[in-house]
């Protein structure tokens, strides 16, 4: 996840590796998704799974399913 600055919205980046057909060179592409987080429980650095849902706002059409890995910067020890 890239950003958690908005209320109930998180920005997630998906990176993919593609191969150019003529030269067979590999390159990476990325796409940003605005994902709905009603309880503000996901934070920057988390690895997450999300799915498509009905439109929630103009740009939000995604919702979190689960958290795969928690960022070590987010875990606070007391």
PDB file of N, CA and C in Angstrom:
ATOM      1  N   UNK A   1       0.842  -1.153   0.000  1.00  0.00           N
ATOM      2  CA  UNK A   1       0.000   0.000   0.000  1.00  0.00           C
ATOM      3  C   UNK A   1       0.898   1.229   0.000  1.00  0.00           C
ATOM      4  N   UNK A   2       0.445   2.285  -0.668  1.00  0.00           N
ATOM      5  CA  UNK A   2       1.275   3.462  -0.852  1.00  0.00           C
ATOM      6  C   UNK A   2       0.877   4.605   0.074  1.00  0.00           C
ATOM      7  N   UNK A   3      -0.418   4.863   0.221  1.00  0.00           N
ATOM      8  CA  UNK A   3      -0.845   6.034   0.982  1.00  0.00           C
ATOM      9  C   UNK A   3      -2.045   5.704   1.854  1.00  0.00           C
ATOM     10  N   UNK A   4      -2.035   6.252   3.086  1.00  0.00           N
ATOM     11  CA  UNK A   4      -3.182   6.107   3.981  1.00  0.00           C
ATOM     12  C   UNK A   4      -3.583   7.463   4.557  1.00  0.00           C
ATOM     13  N   UNK A   5      -3.401   8.529   3.797  1.00  0.00           N
ATOM     14  CA  UNK A   5      -3.664   9.881   4.277  1.00  0.00           C
ATOM     15  C   UNK A   5      -5.144  10.255   4.232  1.00  0.00           C
ATOM     16  N   UNK A   6      -5.923   9.636   3.368  1.00  0.00           N
ATOM     17  CA  UNK A   6      -7.341   9.967   3.261  1.00  0.00           C
ATOM     18  C   UNK A   6      -8.149   9.160   4.272  1.00  0.00           C
ATOM     19  N   UNK A   7      -9.304   9.694   4.664  1.00  0.00           N
ATOM     20  CA  UNK A   7     -10.185   8.992   5.593  1.00  0.00           C
ATOM     21  C   UNK A   7     -11.005   7.969   4.826  1.00  0.00           C
ATOM     22  N   UNK A   8     -10.953   6.723   5.249  1.00  0.00           N
ATOM     23  CA  UNK A   8     -11.692   5.594   4.672  1.00  0.00           C
ATOM     24  C   UNK A   8     -11.282   5.253   3.243  1.00  0.00           C
ATOM     25  N   UNK A   9     -10.144   5.769   2.774  1.00  0.00           N
ATOM     26  CA  UNK A   9      -9.656   5.471   1.432  1.00  0.00           C
ATOM     27  C   UNK A   9      -8.161   5.237   1.501  1.00  0.00           C
ATOM     28  N   UNK A  10      -7.698   4.203   0.826  1.00  0.00           N
ATOM     29  CA  UNK A  10      -6.282   3.893   0.749  1.00  0.00           C
ATOM     30  C   UNK A  10      -5.877   3.783  -0.713  1.00  0.00           C
ATOM     31  N   UNK A  11      -4.641   4.153  -1.024  1.00  0.00           N
ATOM     32  CA  UNK A  11      -4.129   4.043  -2.385  1.00  0.00           C
ATOM     33  C   UNK A  11      -3.193   2.842  -2.423  1.00  0.00           C
ATOM     34  N   UNK A  12      -3.481   1.919  -3.339  1.00  0.00           N
ATOM     35  CA  UNK A  12      -2.706   0.683  -3.471  1.00  0.00           C
ATOM     36  C   UNK A  12      -2.084   0.652  -4.861  1.00  0.00           C
ATOM     37  N   UNK A  13      -0.803   0.290  -4.939  1.00  0.00           N
ATOM     38  CA  UNK A  13      -0.110   0.174  -6.220  1.00  0.00           C
ATOM     39  C   UNK A  13       0.048  -1.300  -6.561  1.00  0.00           C
ATOM     40  N   UNK A  14      -0.296  -1.660  -7.800  1.00  0.00           N
ATOM     41  CA  UNK A  14      -0.108  -3.022  -8.304  1.00  0.00           C
ATOM     42  C   UNK A  14       0.955  -2.945  -9.396  1.00  0.00           C
ATOM     43  N   UNK A  15       2.060  -3.673  -9.189  1.00  0.00           N
ATOM     44  CA  UNK A  15       3.153  -3.707 -10.159  1.00  0.00           C
ATOM     45  C   UNK A  15       3.114  -5.036 -10.900  1.00  0.00           C
ATOM     46  N   UNK A  16       3.266  -4.962 -12.232  1.00  0.00           N
ATOM     47  CA  UNK A  16       3.271  -6.167 -13.063  1.00  0.00           C
ATOM     48  C   UNK A  16       4.496  -6.146 -13.970  1.00  0.00           C
ATOM     49  N   UNK A  17       5.020  -7.307 -14.268  1.00  0.00           N
ATOM     50  CA  UNK A  17       6.121  -7.430 -15.208  1.00  0.00           C
ATOM     51  C   UNK A  17       5.558  -7.921 -16.533  1.00  0.00           C
ATOM     52  N   UNK A  18       5.863  -7.177 -17.597  1.00  0.00           N
ATOM     53  CA  UNK A  18       5.396  -7.541 -18.932  1.00  0.00           C
ATOM     54  C   UNK A  18       6.599  -7.757 -19.836  1.00  0.00           C
ATOM     55  N   UNK A  19       6.375  -8.450 -20.940  1.00  0.00           N
ATOM     56  CA  UNK A  19       7.430  -8.704 -21.922  1.00  0.00           C
ATOM     57  C   UNK A  19       7.048  -8.048 -23.241  1.00  0.00           C
ATOM     58  N   UNK A  20       7.973  -7.264 -23.774  1.00  0.00           N
ATOM     59  CA  UNK A  20       7.764  -6.628 -25.064  1.00  0.00           C
ATOM     60  C   UNK A  20       7.831  -7.690 -26.153  1.00  0.00           C
ATOM     61  N   UNK A  21       6.817  -7.742 -27.023  1.00  0.00           N
ATOM     62  CA  UNK A  21       6.666  -8.860 -27.958  1.00  0.00           C
ATOM     63  C   UNK A  21       7.789  -8.967 -28.990  1.00  0.00           C
ATOM     64  N   UNK A  22       8.268  -7.857 -29.508  1.00  0.00           N
ATOM     65  CA  UNK A  22       9.274  -7.922 -30.567  1.00  0.00           C
ATOM     66  C   UNK A  22      10.671  -8.208 -30.021  1.00  0.00           C
ATOM     67  N   UNK A  23      11.064  -7.501 -28.967  1.00  0.00           N
ATOM     68  CA  UNK A  23      12.436  -7.621 -28.470  1.00  0.00           C
ATOM     69  C   UNK A  23      12.562  -8.531 -27.247  1.00  0.00           C
ATOM     70  N   UNK A  24      11.436  -9.008 -26.722  1.00  0.00           N
ATOM     71  CA  UNK A  24      11.385  -9.892 -25.563  1.00  0.00           C
ATOM     72  C   UNK A  24      12.049  -9.294 -24.318  1.00  0.00           C
ATOM     73  N   UNK A  25      12.060  -7.983 -24.256  1.00  0.00           N
ATOM     74  CA  UNK A  25      12.609  -7.306 -23.077  1.00  0.00           C
ATOM     75  C   UNK A  25      11.508  -7.193 -22.026  1.00  0.00           C
ATOM     76  N   UNK A  26      11.880  -7.427 -20.780  1.00  0.00           N
ATOM     77  CA  UNK A  26      10.900  -7.320 -19.694  1.00  0.00           C
ATOM     78  C   UNK A  26      10.928  -5.916 -19.107  1.00  0.00           C
ATOM     79  N   UNK A  27       9.733  -5.416 -18.781  1.00  0.00           N
ATOM     80  CA  UNK A  27       9.604  -4.113 -18.153  1.00  0.00           C
ATOM     81  C   UNK A  27       8.463  -4.171 -17.151  1.00  0.00           C
ATOM     82  N   UNK A  28       8.460  -3.233 -16.213  1.00  0.00           N
ATOM     83  CA  UNK A  28       7.422  -3.225 -15.180  1.00  0.00           C
ATOM     84  C   UNK A  28       6.443  -2.094 -15.437  1.00  0.00           C
ATOM     85  N   UNK A  29       5.196  -2.371 -15.143  1.00  0.00           N
ATOM     86  CA  UNK A  29       4.160  -1.354 -15.198  1.00  0.00           C
ATOM     87  C   UNK A  29       3.530  -1.272 -13.821  1.00  0.00           C
ATOM     88  N   UNK A  30       2.912  -0.144 -13.524  1.00  0.00           N
ATOM     89  CA  UNK A  30       2.230  -0.014 -12.248  1.00  0.00           C
ATOM     90  C   UNK A  30       0.921   0.725 -12.444  1.00  0.00           C
ATOM     91  N   UNK A  31      -0.028   0.413 -11.583  1.00  0.00           N
ATOM     92  CA  UNK A  31      -1.328   1.052 -11.623  1.00  0.00           C
ATOM     93  C   UNK A  31      -1.770   1.309 -10.192  1.00  0.00           C
ATOM     94  N   UNK A  32      -2.345   2.487  -9.966  1.00  0.00           N
ATOM     95  CA  UNK A  32      -2.804   2.844  -8.631  1.00  0.00           C
ATOM     96  C   UNK A  32      -4.313   2.660  -8.543  1.00  0.00           C
ATOM     97  N   UNK A  33      -4.762   2.101  -7.438  1.00  0.00           N
ATOM     98  CA  UNK A  33      -6.182   1.892  -7.172  1.00  0.00           C
ATOM     99  C   UNK A  33      -6.542   2.580  -5.861  1.00  0.00           C
ATOM    100  N   UNK A  34      -7.704   3.225  -5.822  1.00  0.00           N
ATOM    101  CA  UNK A  34      -8.215   3.783  -4.573  1.00  0.00           C
ATOM    102  C   UNK A  34      -9.184   2.759  -3.993  1.00  0.00           C
ATOM    103  N   UNK A  35      -8.857   2.271  -2.796  1.00  0.00           N
ATOM    104  CA  UNK A  35      -9.576   1.158  -2.190  1.00  0.00           C
ATOM    105  C   UNK A  35     -10.284   1.633  -0.934  1.00  0.00           C
ATOM    106  N   UNK A  36     -11.531   1.187  -0.755  1.00  0.00           N
ATOM    107  CA  UNK A  36     -12.348   1.585   0.385  1.00  0.00           C
ATOM    108  C   UNK A  36     -11.926   0.840   1.651  1.00  0.00           C
ATOM    109  N   UNK A  37     -11.708   1.596   2.729  1.00  0.00           N
ATOM    110  CA  UNK A  37     -11.306   1.031   4.024  1.00  0.00           C
ATOM    111  C   UNK A  37     -12.170   1.690   5.102  1.00  0.00           C
ATOM    112  N   UNK A  38     -13.363   1.159   5.387  1.00  0.00           N
ATOM    113  CA  UNK A  38     -14.304   1.842   6.290  1.00  0.00           C
ATOM    114  C   UNK A  38     -13.817   1.983   7.725  1.00  0.00           C
ATOM    115  N   UNK A  39     -12.931   1.079   8.187  1.00  0.00           N
ATOM    116  CA  UNK A  39     -12.477   1.135   9.586  1.00  0.00           C
ATOM    117  C   UNK A  39     -11.062   1.687   9.740  1.00  0.00           C
ATOM    118  N   UNK A  40     -10.459   2.149   8.653  1.00  0.00           N
ATOM    119  CA  UNK A  40      -9.094   2.695   8.672  1.00  0.00           C
ATOM    120  C   UNK A  40      -8.099   1.746   9.339  1.00  0.00           C
ATOM    121  N   UNK A  41      -8.160   0.461   8.984  1.00  0.00           N
ATOM    122  CA  UNK A  41      -7.300  -0.521   9.638  1.00  0.00           C
ATOM    123  C   UNK A  41      -6.057  -0.893   8.831  1.00  0.00           C
ATOM    124  N   UNK A  42      -5.955  -0.474   7.567  1.00  0.00           N
ATOM    125  CA  UNK A  42      -4.800  -0.776   6.733  1.00  0.00           C
ATOM    126  C   UNK A  42      -3.915   0.459   6.649  1.00  0.00           C
ATOM    127  N   UNK A  43      -2.579   0.229   6.618  1.00  0.00           N
ATOM    128  CA  UNK A  43      -1.652   1.349   6.648  1.00  0.00           C
ATOM    129  C   UNK A  43      -0.565   1.180   5.589  1.00  0.00           C
ATOM    130  N   UNK A  44       0.194   2.244   5.376  1.00  0.00           N
ATOM    131  CA  UNK A  44       1.251   2.260   4.370  1.00  0.00           C
ATOM    132  C   UNK A  44       2.256   1.151   4.624  1.00  0.00           C
ATOM    133  N   UNK A  45       2.604   0.425   3.578  1.00  0.00           N
ATOM    134  CA  UNK A  45       3.573  -0.658   3.682  1.00  0.00           C
ATOM    135  C   UNK A  45       2.955  -2.035   3.797  1.00  0.00           C
ATOM    136  N   UNK A  46       1.658  -2.124   4.086  1.00  0.00           N
ATOM    137  CA  UNK A  46       0.991  -3.417   4.188  1.00  0.00           C
ATOM    138  C   UNK A  46       0.836  -4.040   2.805  1.00  0.00           C
ATOM    139  N   UNK A  47       0.921  -5.355   2.745  1.00  0.00           N
ATOM    140  CA  UNK A  47       0.642  -6.103   1.519  1.00  0.00           C
ATOM    141  C   UNK A  47      -0.771  -6.643   1.668  1.00  0.00           C
ATOM    142  N   UNK A  48      -1.654  -6.315   0.707  1.00  0.00           N
ATOM    143  CA  UNK A  48      -3.081  -6.589   0.871  1.00  0.00           C
ATOM    144  C   UNK A  48      -3.667  -7.274  -0.362  1.00  0.00           C
ATOM    145  N   UNK A  49      -4.870  -7.807  -0.182  1.00  0.00           N
ATOM    146  CA  UNK A  49      -5.678  -8.350  -1.269  1.00  0.00           C
ATOM    147  C   UNK A  49      -6.963  -7.537  -1.300  1.00  0.00           C
ATOM    148  N   UNK A  50      -7.381  -7.114  -2.508  1.00  0.00           N
ATOM    149  CA  UNK A  50      -8.622  -6.363  -2.638  1.00  0.00           C
ATOM    150  C   UNK A  50      -9.408  -6.872  -3.828  1.00  0.00           C
ATOM    151  N   UNK A  51     -10.706  -6.516  -3.850  1.00  0.00           N
ATOM    152  CA  UNK A  51     -11.589  -7.007  -4.914  1.00  0.00           C
ATOM    153  C   UNK A  51     -12.464  -5.881  -5.426  1.00  0.00           C
ATOM    154  N   UNK A  52     -13.054  -6.105  -6.584  1.00  0.00           N
ATOM    155  CA  UNK A  52     -13.921  -5.112  -7.193  1.00  0.00           C
ATOM    156  C   UNK A  52     -15.321  -5.186  -6.581  1.00  0.00           C
ATOM    157  N   UNK A  53     -15.934  -4.017  -6.338  1.00  0.00           N
ATOM    158  CA  UNK A  53     -17.293  -3.923  -5.807  1.00  0.00           C
ATOM    159  C   UNK A  53     -18.040  -2.839  -6.566  1.00  0.00           C
ATOM    160  N   UNK A  54     -19.272  -2.613  -6.170  1.00  0.00           N
ATOM    161  CA  UNK A  54     -20.051  -1.552  -6.817  1.00  0.00           C
ATOM    162  C   UNK A  54     -19.388  -0.198  -6.557  1.00  0.00           C
ATOM    163  N   UNK A  55     -19.620   0.806  -7.383  1.00  0.00           N
ATOM    164  CA  UNK A  55     -18.993   2.107  -7.176  1.00  0.00           C
ATOM    165  C   UNK A  55     -19.388   2.724  -5.833  1.00  0.00           C
ATOM    166  N   UNK A  56     -18.396   3.126  -5.071  1.00  0.00           N
ATOM    167  CA  UNK A  56     -18.618   3.758  -3.780  1.00  0.00           C
ATOM    168  C   UNK A  56     -18.530   5.267  -3.933  1.00  0.00           C
ATOM    169  N   UNK A  57     -17.623   5.734  -4.784  1.00  0.00           N
ATOM    170  CA  UNK A  57     -17.510   7.150  -5.118  1.00  0.00           C
ATOM    171  C   UNK A  57     -17.033   7.240  -6.565  1.00  0.00           C
ATOM    172  N   UNK A  58     -16.614   8.414  -6.989  1.00  0.00           N
ATOM    173  CA  UNK A  58     -16.222   8.585  -8.383  1.00  0.00           C
ATOM    174  C   UNK A  58     -15.049   7.687  -8.776  1.00  0.00           C
ATOM    175  N   UNK A  59     -14.080   7.536  -7.900  1.00  0.00           N
ATOM    176  CA  UNK A  59     -12.898   6.742  -8.233  1.00  0.00           C
ATOM    177  C   UNK A  59     -12.773   5.442  -7.448  1.00  0.00           C
ATOM    178  N   UNK A  60     -13.573   5.262  -6.413  1.00  0.00           N
ATOM    179  CA  UNK A  60     -13.459   4.056  -5.580  1.00  0.00           C
ATOM    180  C   UNK A  60     -14.416   2.975  -6.055  1.00  0.00           C
ATOM    181  N   UNK A  61     -13.837   1.873  -6.535  1.00  0.00           N
ATOM    182  CA  UNK A  61     -14.620   0.703  -6.961  1.00  0.00           C
ATOM    183  C   UNK A  61     -13.984  -0.573  -6.431  1.00  0.00           C
ATOM    184  N   UNK A  62     -13.217  -0.471  -5.343  1.00  0.00           N
ATOM    185  CA  UNK A  62     -12.482  -1.590  -4.797  1.00  0.00           C
ATOM    186  C   UNK A  62     -12.659  -1.635  -3.290  1.00  0.00           C
ATOM    187  N   UNK A  63     -12.540  -2.837  -2.719  1.00  0.00           N
ATOM    188  CA  UNK A  63     -12.701  -3.024  -1.282  1.00  0.00           C
ATOM    189  C   UNK A  63     -11.693  -4.078  -0.814  1.00  0.00           C
ATOM    190  N   UNK A  64     -11.158  -3.903   0.398  1.00  0.00           N
ATOM    191  CA  UNK A  64     -10.173  -4.830   0.921  1.00  0.00           C
ATOM    192  C   UNK A  64     -10.807  -6.169   1.258  1.00  0.00           C
ATOM    193  N   UNK A  65     -10.042  -7.256   1.014  1.00  0.00           N
ATOM    194  CA  UNK A  65     -10.452  -8.597   1.383  1.00  0.00           C
ATOM    195  C   UNK A  65      -9.670  -9.037   2.610  1.00  0.00           C
ATOM    196  N   UNK A  66      -8.338  -8.924   2.542  1.00  0.00           N
ATOM    197  CA  UNK A  66      -7.514  -9.339   3.672  1.00  0.00           C
ATOM    198  C   UNK A  66      -6.141  -8.699   3.595  1.00  0.00           C
ATOM    199  N   UNK A  67      -5.401  -8.852   4.689  1.00  0.00           N
ATOM    200  CA  UNK A  67      -4.039  -8.355   4.777  1.00  0.00           C
ATOM    201  C   UNK A  67      -3.110  -9.557   4.704  1.00  0.00           C
ATOM    202  N   UNK A  68      -2.169  -9.542   3.762  1.00  0.00           N
ATOM    203  CA  UNK A  68      -1.238 -10.637   3.589  1.00  0.00           C
ATOM    204  C   UNK A  68      -0.049 -10.473   4.531  1.00  0.00           C
ATOM    205  N   UNK A  69       0.474  -9.261   4.610  1.00  0.00           N
ATOM    206  CA  UNK A  69       1.665  -8.999   5.407  1.00  0.00           C
ATOM    207  C   UNK A  69       1.573  -7.602   5.994  1.00  0.00           C
ATOM    208  N   UNK A  70       1.919  -7.468   7.273  1.00  0.00           N
ATOM    209  CA  UNK A  70       1.906  -6.177   7.938  1.00  0.00           C
ATOM    210  C   UNK A  70       3.285  -5.550   7.853  1.00  0.00           C
ATOM    211  N   UNK A  71       3.327  -4.255   7.625  1.00  0.00           N
ATOM    212  CA  UNK A  71       4.585  -3.543   7.577  1.00  0.00           C
ATOM    213  C   UNK A  71       5.208  -3.497   8.955  1.00  0.00           C
ATOM    214  N   UNK A  72       6.524  -3.666   9.032  1.00  0.00           N
ATOM    215  CA  UNK A  72       7.206  -3.644  10.327  1.00  0.00           C
ATOM    216  C   UNK A  72       7.223  -2.240  10.924  1.00  0.00           C
ATOM    217  N   UNK A  73       7.107  -1.205  10.099  1.00  0.00           N
ATOM    218  CA  UNK A  73       7.090   0.174  10.598  1.00  0.00           C
ATOM    219  C   UNK A  73       5.786   0.480  11.323  1.00  0.00           C
ATOM    220  N   UNK A  74       4.714  -0.244  10.987  1.00  0.00           N
ATOM    221  CA  UNK A  74       3.416   0.013  11.605  1.00  0.00           C
ATOM    222  C   UNK A  74       3.248  -0.677  12.941  1.00  0.00           C
ATOM    223  N   UNK A  75       3.985  -1.747  13.195  1.00  0.00           N
ATOM    224  CA  UNK A  75       3.830  -2.466  14.456  1.00  0.00           C
ATOM    225  C   UNK A  75       4.554  -1.711  15.564  1.00  0.00           C
ATOM    226  N   UNK A  76       3.809  -1.301  16.571  1.00  0.00           N
ATOM    227  CA  UNK A  76       4.370  -0.511  17.667  1.00  0.00           C
ATOM    228  C   UNK A  76       4.463  -1.374  18.914  1.00  0.00           C
ATOM    229  N   UNK A  77       5.646  -1.389  19.512  1.00  0.00           N
ATOM    230  CA  UNK A  77       5.854  -2.163  20.724  1.00  0.00           C
ATOM    231  C   UNK A  77       5.795  -1.222  21.921  1.00  0.00           C
ATOM    232  N   UNK A  78       5.119  -1.652  22.967  1.00  0.00           N
ATOM    233  CA  UNK A  78       4.979  -0.834  24.177  1.00  0.00           C
ATOM    234  C   UNK A  78       5.842  -1.406  25.279  1.00  0.00           C
TER     235      UNK A  78
END
